[in-house]
Amino acid sequence: MESMQKKAIAFFDVDGTLLSSTIAHCYIWLRTASLSSIQKFFWTIGFLPKIIYYLILDRISRERFNQVFYRNYRGMDATAVKASATDMFENYLRQKIFPEAISQIEAHKEQGHHVVLLTGSLDFIVQPIAAYFGVDSVLAAELAEQSGKFIGELTTEPLIGEQKAIALKKFAEQANVPLDDCYAYSDSQSDLPMLDAVGNPIAVNPSKALRKKALETDWEIHEWMQAS
């Protein structure tokens, strides 16, 4: 990484922070986009029991949830799915973006800050989002491929919890920017290590546990709403 002529780095989580969506919503959209209405109905009925399991697993371990959930991509054509991700952004995700997220990222760019999306979401899903916001860098999860198909496994540890903090610290160190001069935005308690790592943590639409932490430590709290 080239040495940045930047005053600071602003790290943004994506799902729940920049927009109101989850990795589950994105998978369901990609999986059903080419199905007819009746096919989509029956597929959804078949998928519903899994949702309950995933909700329980997510409460136990967000990292484990990501690992297990991404196995749903096993056997899917990588090229076709990546191409569909652009359509998904235009037809689904773009409408989920918080207007305040746009203005916040623009404010950082105007101050000469390097803006990074740091997320456990998949890289090909995040790239159109990154292009829309015009951010400088993306740190995202990546699915392994074999013979043109996803094998349902990540190429690295999920970018969740401590792994997110490790990635953030490594990026800041390589950029020669002190952590005290960095910003981090997230909505989730699972991102506490990332928020704790920087000098300027911001809780966005925080979960109950994160809101409690933010109030106790006098962190900034932002309430961002979807455009009506």
C-alpha atoms as a PDB file:
ATOM      1  CA  MET A   1       0.000   0.000   0.000  1.00  0.00           C
ATOM      2  CA  GLU A   2       1.308   3.400  -0.888  1.00  0.00           C
ATOM      3  CA  SER A   3       1.926   5.795   1.979  1.00  0.00           C
ATOM      4  CA  MET A   4      -1.170   7.921   2.255  1.00  0.00           C
ATOM      5  CA  GLN A   5      -1.158  11.677   2.314  1.00  0.00           C
ATOM      6  CA  LYS A   6      -4.250  11.421   4.485  1.00  0.00           C
ATOM      7  CA  LYS A   7      -5.116  12.940   7.835  1.00  0.00           C
ATOM      8  CA  ALA A   8      -7.159   9.945   8.965  1.00  0.00           C
ATOM      9  CA  ILE A   9      -8.937   6.752   7.928  1.00  0.00           C
ATOM     10  CA  ALA A  10     -12.694   6.221   8.292  1.00  0.00           C
ATOM     11  CA  PHE A  11     -13.720   2.558   8.449  1.00  0.00           C
ATOM     12  CA  PHE A  12     -17.367   1.728   7.754  1.00  0.00           C
ATOM     13  CA  ASP A  13     -19.215  -1.502   8.374  1.00  0.00           C
ATOM     14  CA  VAL A  14     -21.777  -2.077   5.603  1.00  0.00           C
ATOM     15  CA  ASP A  15     -24.857  -4.136   6.558  1.00  0.00           C
ATOM     16  CA  GLY A  16     -26.992  -2.254   9.064  1.00  0.00           C
ATOM     17  CA  THR A  17     -24.591   0.690   9.029  1.00  0.00           C
ATOM     18  CA  LEU A  18     -24.593   2.087   5.496  1.00  0.00           C
ATOM     19  CA  LEU A  19     -27.768   0.321   4.444  1.00  0.00           C
ATOM     20  CA  SER A  20     -30.587  -1.754   5.888  1.00  0.00           C
ATOM     21  CA  SER A  21     -29.786  -5.222   4.602  1.00  0.00           C
ATOM     22  CA  THR A  22     -28.025  -8.419   5.721  1.00  0.00           C
ATOM     23  CA  ILE A  23     -26.007 -11.224   4.141  1.00  0.00           C
ATOM     24  CA  ALA A  24     -29.171 -13.340   4.301  1.00  0.00           C
ATOM     25  CA  HIS A  25     -31.242 -10.804   2.348  1.00  0.00           C
ATOM     26  CA  CYS A  26     -28.554 -10.628  -0.336  1.00  0.00           C
ATOM     27  CA  TYR A  27     -28.289 -14.397  -0.700  1.00  0.00           C
ATOM     28  CA  ILE A  28     -32.061 -14.780  -0.977  1.00  0.00           C
ATOM     29  CA  TRP A  29     -32.204 -12.075  -3.663  1.00  0.00           C
ATOM     30  CA  LEU A  30     -29.379 -13.648  -5.677  1.00  0.00           C
ATOM     31  CA  ARG A  31     -30.789 -17.154  -5.298  1.00  0.00           C
ATOM     32  CA  THR A  32     -34.328 -16.259  -6.357  1.00  0.00           C
ATOM     33  CA  ALA A  33     -33.780 -13.448  -8.894  1.00  0.00           C
ATOM     34  CA  SER A  34     -34.182 -15.762 -11.894  1.00  0.00           C
ATOM     35  CA  LEU A  35     -37.089 -17.797 -10.483  1.00  0.00           C
ATOM     36  CA  SER A  36     -40.723 -17.403 -11.444  1.00  0.00           C
ATOM     37  CA  SER A  37     -43.178 -16.211  -8.800  1.00  0.00           C
ATOM     38  CA  ILE A  38     -44.382 -19.735  -8.050  1.00  0.00           C
ATOM     39  CA  GLN A  39     -40.826 -21.100  -7.947  1.00  0.00           C
ATOM     40  CA  LYS A  40     -39.801 -18.284  -5.625  1.00  0.00           C
ATOM     41  CA  PHE A  41     -42.753 -19.054  -3.336  1.00  0.00           C
ATOM     42  CA  PHE A  42     -41.883 -22.733  -2.956  1.00  0.00           C
ATOM     43  CA  TRP A  43     -38.162 -22.008  -2.595  1.00  0.00           C
ATOM     44  CA  THR A  44     -38.919 -19.524   0.188  1.00  0.00           C
ATOM     45  CA  ILE A  45     -41.166 -22.025   1.987  1.00  0.00           C
ATOM     46  CA  GLY A  46     -38.320 -24.548   1.871  1.00  0.00           C
ATOM     47  CA  PHE A  47     -35.786 -22.024   3.148  1.00  0.00           C
ATOM     48  CA  LEU A  48     -37.841 -20.759   6.108  1.00  0.00           C
ATOM     49  CA  PRO A  49     -36.832 -23.527   8.569  1.00  0.00           C
ATOM     50  CA  LYS A  50     -33.184 -22.606   7.980  1.00  0.00           C
ATOM     51  CA  ILE A  51     -33.888 -19.005   8.953  1.00  0.00           C
ATOM     52  CA  ILE A  52     -34.799 -20.017  12.508  1.00  0.00           C
ATOM     53  CA  TYR A  53     -31.577 -22.006  12.813  1.00  0.00           C
ATOM     54  CA  TYR A  54     -29.523 -19.107  11.463  1.00  0.00           C
ATOM     55  CA  LEU A  55     -31.105 -16.620  13.869  1.00  0.00           C
ATOM     56  CA  ILE A  56     -30.180 -18.842  16.816  1.00  0.00           C
ATOM     57  CA  LEU A  57     -26.671 -19.431  15.484  1.00  0.00           C
ATOM     58  CA  ASP A  58     -26.135 -15.707  14.934  1.00  0.00           C
ATOM     59  CA  ARG A  59     -26.978 -15.016  18.588  1.00  0.00           C
ATOM     60  CA  ILE A  60     -24.462 -17.645  19.683  1.00  0.00           C
ATOM     61  CA  SER A  61     -21.624 -16.652  17.331  1.00  0.00           C
ATOM     62  CA  ARG A  62     -21.689 -14.159  14.449  1.00  0.00           C
ATOM     63  CA  GLU A  63     -18.438 -15.649  13.137  1.00  0.00           C
ATOM     64  CA  ARG A  64     -19.830 -19.183  13.086  1.00  0.00           C
ATOM     65  CA  PHE A  65     -23.048 -17.938  11.515  1.00  0.00           C
ATOM     66  CA  ASN A  66     -21.143 -16.384   8.618  1.00  0.00           C
ATOM     67  CA  GLN A  67     -19.132 -19.550   8.021  1.00  0.00           C
ATOM     68  CA  VAL A  68     -22.228 -21.748   8.012  1.00  0.00           C
ATOM     69  CA  PHE A  69     -24.425 -19.355   6.044  1.00  0.00           C
ATOM     70  CA  TYR A  70     -21.966 -18.932   3.190  1.00  0.00           C
ATOM     71  CA  ARG A  71     -22.167 -22.678   2.538  1.00  0.00           C
ATOM     72  CA  ASN A  72     -25.472 -21.889   0.827  1.00  0.00           C
ATOM     73  CA  TYR A  73     -23.417 -20.614  -2.120  1.00  0.00           C
ATOM     74  CA  ARG A  74     -21.871 -24.044  -2.666  1.00  0.00           C
ATOM     75  CA  GLY A  75     -22.261 -25.150  -6.287  1.00  0.00           C
ATOM     76  CA  MET A  76     -23.505 -21.796  -7.579  1.00  0.00           C
ATOM     77  CA  ASP A  77     -21.899 -20.465 -10.764  1.00  0.00           C
ATOM     78  CA  ALA A  78     -19.425 -17.798  -9.644  1.00  0.00           C
ATOM     79  CA  THR A  79     -19.512 -15.708 -12.819  1.00  0.00           C
ATOM     80  CA  ALA A  80     -23.305 -15.628 -12.963  1.00  0.00           C
ATOM     81  CA  VAL A  81     -23.679 -14.740  -9.290  1.00  0.00           C
ATOM     82  CA  LYS A  82     -21.113 -11.944  -9.523  1.00  0.00           C
ATOM     83  CA  ALA A  83     -22.914 -10.529 -12.556  1.00  0.00           C
ATOM     84  CA  SER A  84     -26.226 -10.654 -10.667  1.00  0.00           C
ATOM     85  CA  ALA A  85     -24.703  -8.674  -7.811  1.00  0.00           C
ATOM     86  CA  THR A  86     -24.680  -5.535  -9.964  1.00  0.00           C
ATOM     87  CA  ASP A  87     -28.377  -5.993 -10.755  1.00  0.00           C
ATOM     88  CA  MET A  88     -29.058  -6.599  -7.071  1.00  0.00           C
ATOM     89  CA  PHE A  89     -27.449  -3.295  -6.159  1.00  0.00           C
ATOM     90  CA  GLU A  90     -29.478  -1.341  -8.707  1.00  0.00           C
ATOM     91  CA  ASN A  91     -32.783  -3.100  -8.026  1.00  0.00           C
ATOM     92  CA  TYR A  92     -32.571  -3.774  -4.290  1.00  0.00           C
ATOM     93  CA  LEU A  93     -29.615  -2.493  -2.257  1.00  0.00           C
ATOM     94  CA  ARG A  94     -29.481   1.030  -3.627  1.00  0.00           C
ATOM     95  CA  GLN A  95     -32.914   1.755  -2.162  1.00  0.00           C
ATOM     96  CA  LYS A  96     -31.723   0.465   1.231  1.00  0.00           C
ATOM     97  CA  ILE A  97     -28.923   3.037   1.628  1.00  0.00           C
ATOM     98  CA  PHE A  98     -29.254   5.549   4.452  1.00  0.00           C
ATOM     99  CA  PRO A  99     -29.039   9.130   3.054  1.00  0.00           C
ATOM    100  CA  GLU A 100     -27.038  10.138   6.132  1.00  0.00           C
ATOM    101  CA  ALA A 101     -24.437   7.510   5.202  1.00  0.00           C
ATOM    102  CA  ILE A 102     -23.878   9.294   1.903  1.00  0.00           C
ATOM    103  CA  SER A 103     -23.389  12.681   3.562  1.00  0.00           C
ATOM    104  CA  GLN A 104     -21.147  11.208   6.271  1.00  0.00           C
ATOM    105  CA  ILE A 105     -18.808   9.579   3.761  1.00  0.00           C
ATOM    106  CA  GLU A 106     -18.752  12.768   1.709  1.00  0.00           C
ATOM    107  CA  ALA A 107     -17.814  14.738   4.836  1.00  0.00           C
ATOM    108  CA  HIS A 108     -14.844  12.439   5.438  1.00  0.00           C
ATOM    109  CA  LYS A 109     -13.710  12.747   1.832  1.00  0.00           C
ATOM    110  CA  GLU A 110     -13.957  16.542   1.999  1.00  0.00           C
ATOM    111  CA  GLN A 111     -11.663  16.453   5.028  1.00  0.00           C
ATOM    112  CA  GLY A 112      -9.123  14.424   3.076  1.00  0.00           C
ATOM    113  CA  HIS A 113      -9.773  11.182   4.947  1.00  0.00           C
ATOM    114  CA  HIS A 114      -9.236   7.742   3.401  1.00  0.00           C
ATOM    115  CA  VAL A 115     -12.571   5.888   3.417  1.00  0.00           C
ATOM    116  CA  VAL A 116     -12.627   2.092   3.807  1.00  0.00           C
ATOM    117  CA  LEU A 117     -15.520  -0.360   3.769  1.00  0.00           C
ATOM    118  CA  LEU A 118     -14.683  -3.100   6.290  1.00  0.00           C
ATOM    119  CA  THR A 119     -17.263  -5.873   6.241  1.00  0.00           C
ATOM    120  CA  GLY A 120     -18.002  -9.550   6.627  1.00  0.00           C
ATOM    121  CA  SER A 121     -20.161  -9.325   3.497  1.00  0.00           C
ATOM    122  CA  LEU A 122     -18.869 -10.841   0.260  1.00  0.00           C
ATOM    123  CA  ASP A 123     -16.548  -8.819  -1.937  1.00  0.00           C
ATOM    124  CA  PHE A 124     -18.623  -9.051  -5.116  1.00  0.00           C
ATOM    125  CA  ILE A 125     -21.694  -7.796  -3.239  1.00  0.00           C
ATOM    126  CA  VAL A 126     -19.774  -4.908  -1.682  1.00  0.00           C
ATOM    127  CA  GLN A 127     -18.000  -3.708  -4.843  1.00  0.00           C
ATOM    128  CA  PRO A 128     -21.054  -1.989  -6.408  1.00  0.00           C
ATOM    129  CA  ILE A 129     -21.745  -0.360  -3.031  1.00  0.00           C
ATOM    130  CA  ALA A 130     -18.148   0.845  -2.833  1.00  0.00           C
ATOM    131  CA  ALA A 131     -18.357   2.249  -6.359  1.00  0.00           C
ATOM    132  CA  TYR A 132     -21.578   4.092  -5.516  1.00  0.00           C
ATOM    133  CA  PHE A 133     -20.038   5.747  -2.466  1.00  0.00           C
ATOM    134  CA  GLY A 134     -16.718   6.335  -4.227  1.00  0.00           C
ATOM    135  CA  VAL A 135     -14.695   4.941  -1.328  1.00  0.00           C
ATOM    136  CA  ASP A 136     -10.944   4.434  -1.450  1.00  0.00           C
ATOM    137  CA  SER A 137     -10.600   0.813  -0.293  1.00  0.00           C
ATOM    138  CA  VAL A 138     -12.616  -2.329   0.460  1.00  0.00           C
ATOM    139  CA  LEU A 139     -11.838  -5.066   2.957  1.00  0.00           C
ATOM    140  CA  ALA A 140     -14.439  -7.810   2.521  1.00  0.00           C
ATOM    141  CA  ALA A 141     -14.919 -11.564   2.701  1.00  0.00           C
ATOM    142  CA  GLU A 142     -14.188 -13.688  -0.363  1.00  0.00           C
ATOM    143  CA  LEU A 143     -15.636 -17.056  -1.353  1.00  0.00           C
ATOM    144  CA  ALA A 144     -13.313 -19.774  -2.647  1.00  0.00           C
ATOM    145  CA  GLU A 145     -13.967 -21.104  -6.146  1.00  0.00           C
ATOM    146  CA  GLN A 146     -13.267 -24.342  -7.954  1.00  0.00           C
ATOM    147  CA  SER A 147     -13.976 -25.047 -11.626  1.00  0.00           C
ATOM    148  CA  GLY A 148     -15.977 -21.832 -11.905  1.00  0.00           C
ATOM    149  CA  LYS A 149     -18.241 -22.606  -8.954  1.00  0.00           C
ATOM    150  CA  PHE A 150     -18.294 -21.482  -5.348  1.00  0.00           C
ATOM    151  CA  ILE A 151     -17.374 -24.226  -2.889  1.00  0.00           C
ATOM    152  CA  GLY A 152     -19.176 -22.586   0.029  1.00  0.00           C
ATOM    153  CA  GLU A 153     -16.061 -21.760   2.034  1.00  0.00           C
ATOM    154  CA  LEU A 154     -14.323 -18.449   2.686  1.00  0.00           C
ATOM    155  CA  THR A 155     -10.718 -17.954   1.594  1.00  0.00           C
ATOM    156  CA  THR A 156      -9.883 -16.461   5.024  1.00  0.00           C
ATOM    157  CA  GLU A 157     -11.361 -16.239   8.505  1.00  0.00           C
ATOM    158  CA  PRO A 158     -14.679 -14.314   8.522  1.00  0.00           C
ATOM    159  CA  LEU A 159     -14.203 -10.558   8.920  1.00  0.00           C
ATOM    160  CA  ILE A 160     -16.095 -10.542  12.184  1.00  0.00           C
ATOM    161  CA  GLY A 161     -15.206  -9.485  15.722  1.00  0.00           C
ATOM    162  CA  GLU A 162     -11.486  -9.631  16.450  1.00  0.00           C
ATOM    163  CA  GLN A 163     -10.679 -10.409  12.796  1.00  0.00           C
ATOM    164  CA  LYS A 164     -12.201  -7.067  11.805  1.00  0.00           C
ATOM    165  CA  ALA A 165     -10.080  -5.272  14.391  1.00  0.00           C
ATOM    166  CA  ILE A 166      -6.957  -7.085  13.168  1.00  0.00           C
ATOM    167  CA  ALA A 167      -7.688  -6.073   9.558  1.00  0.00           C
ATOM    168  CA  LEU A 168      -8.312  -2.476  10.629  1.00  0.00           C
ATOM    169  CA  LYS A 169      -5.071  -2.252  12.617  1.00  0.00           C
ATOM    170  CA  LYS A 170      -3.047  -3.805   9.803  1.00  0.00           C
ATOM    171  CA  PHE A 171      -4.509  -1.389   7.250  1.00  0.00           C
ATOM    172  CA  ALA A 172      -3.829   1.646   9.462  1.00  0.00           C
ATOM    173  CA  GLU A 173      -0.286   0.483  10.206  1.00  0.00           C
ATOM    174  CA  GLN A 174       0.526  -0.037   6.515  1.00  0.00           C
ATOM    175  CA  ALA A 175      -0.931   3.394   5.772  1.00  0.00           C
ATOM    176  CA  ASN A 176       1.137   4.917   8.595  1.00  0.00           C
ATOM    177  CA  VAL A 177      -1.955   6.482  10.161  1.00  0.00           C
ATOM    178  CA  PRO A 178      -2.277   6.389  13.982  1.00  0.00           C
ATOM    179  CA  LEU A 179      -5.305   4.498  15.286  1.00  0.00           C
ATOM    180  CA  ASP A 180      -6.189   7.500  17.442  1.00  0.00           C
ATOM    181  CA  ASP A 181      -6.775   9.449  14.223  1.00  0.00           C
ATOM    182  CA  CYS A 182      -9.060   6.779  12.762  1.00  0.00           C
ATOM    183  CA  TYR A 183     -12.849   6.548  12.757  1.00  0.00           C
ATOM    184  CA  ALA A 184     -15.016   3.412  12.837  1.00  0.00           C
ATOM    185  CA  TYR A 185     -18.753   3.149  12.206  1.00  0.00           C
ATOM    186  CA  SER A 186     -20.907   0.136  13.058  1.00  0.00           C
ATOM    187  CA  ASP A 187     -24.364  -0.876  14.243  1.00  0.00           C
ATOM    188  CA  SER A 188     -23.434  -4.178  15.869  1.00  0.00           C
ATOM    189  CA  GLN A 189     -22.143  -5.394  19.209  1.00  0.00           C
ATOM    190  CA  SER A 190     -20.036  -7.912  17.281  1.00  0.00           C
ATOM    191  CA  ASP A 191     -17.944  -4.988  15.992  1.00  0.00           C
ATOM    192  CA  LEU A 192     -16.887  -3.812  19.457  1.00  0.00           C
ATOM    193  CA  PRO A 193     -13.232  -4.829  18.842  1.00  0.00           C
ATOM    194  CA  MET A 194     -13.183  -2.622  15.729  1.00  0.00           C
ATOM    195  CA  LEU A 195     -14.801   0.297  17.537  1.00  0.00           C
ATOM    196  CA  ASP A 196     -12.534  -0.076  20.563  1.00  0.00           C
ATOM    197  CA  ALA A 197      -9.462   0.004  18.311  1.00  0.00           C
ATOM    198  CA  VAL A 198      -9.896   3.568  17.052  1.00  0.00           C
ATOM    199  CA  GLY A 199      -9.851   7.009  18.576  1.00  0.00           C
ATOM    200  CA  ASN A 200     -13.220   7.960  17.089  1.00  0.00           C
ATOM    201  CA  PRO A 201     -15.817   5.167  17.390  1.00  0.00           C
ATOM    202  CA  ILE A 202     -19.352   5.906  16.163  1.00  0.00           C
ATOM    203  CA  ALA A 203     -22.360   3.689  16.855  1.00  0.00           C
ATOM    204  CA  VAL A 204     -24.878   3.853  13.998  1.00  0.00           C
ATOM    205  CA  ASN A 205     -28.445   2.701  14.698  1.00  0.00           C
ATOM    206  CA  PRO A 206     -26.894   0.638  17.490  1.00  0.00           C
ATOM    207  CA  SER A 207     -28.253  -2.612  18.848  1.00  0.00           C
ATOM    208  CA  LYS A 208     -29.353  -2.533  22.486  1.00  0.00           C
ATOM    209  CA  ALA A 209     -26.007  -3.861  23.740  1.00  0.00           C
ATOM    210  CA  LEU A 210     -23.967  -1.491  21.576  1.00  0.00           C
ATOM    211  CA  ARG A 211     -26.102   1.487  22.597  1.00  0.00           C
ATOM    212  CA  LYS A 212     -25.459   0.657  26.253  1.00  0.00           C
ATOM    213  CA  LYS A 213     -21.704   0.510  25.590  1.00  0.00           C
ATOM    214  CA  ALA A 214     -21.782   3.757  23.615  1.00  0.00           C
ATOM    215  CA  LEU A 215     -23.636   5.599  26.376  1.00  0.00           C
ATOM    216  CA  GLU A 216     -21.276   4.261  29.052  1.00  0.00           C
ATOM    217  CA  THR A 217     -18.169   5.312  27.120  1.00  0.00           C
ATOM    218  CA  ASP A 218     -19.543   8.559  25.650  1.00  0.00           C
ATOM    219  CA  TRP A 219     -19.196   7.371  22.054  1.00  0.00           C
ATOM    220  CA  GLU A 220     -21.045   9.234  19.323  1.00  0.00           C
ATOM    221  CA  ILE A 221     -24.407   7.730  18.408  1.00  0.00           C
ATOM    222  CA  HIS A 222     -25.933   8.366  14.992  1.00  0.00           C
ATOM    223  CA  GLU A 223     -29.511   7.514  14.102  1.00  0.00           C
ATOM    224  CA  TRP A 224     -29.785   7.062  10.338  1.00  0.00           C
ATOM    225  CA  MET A 225     -33.092   6.467   8.584  1.00  0.00           C
ATOM    226  CA  GLN A 226     -33.991   5.104   5.181  1.00  0.00           C
ATOM    227  CA  ALA A 227     -35.408   7.580   2.720  1.00  0.00           C
ATOM    228  CA  SER A 228     -39.210   7.339   2.593  1.00  0.00           C
END
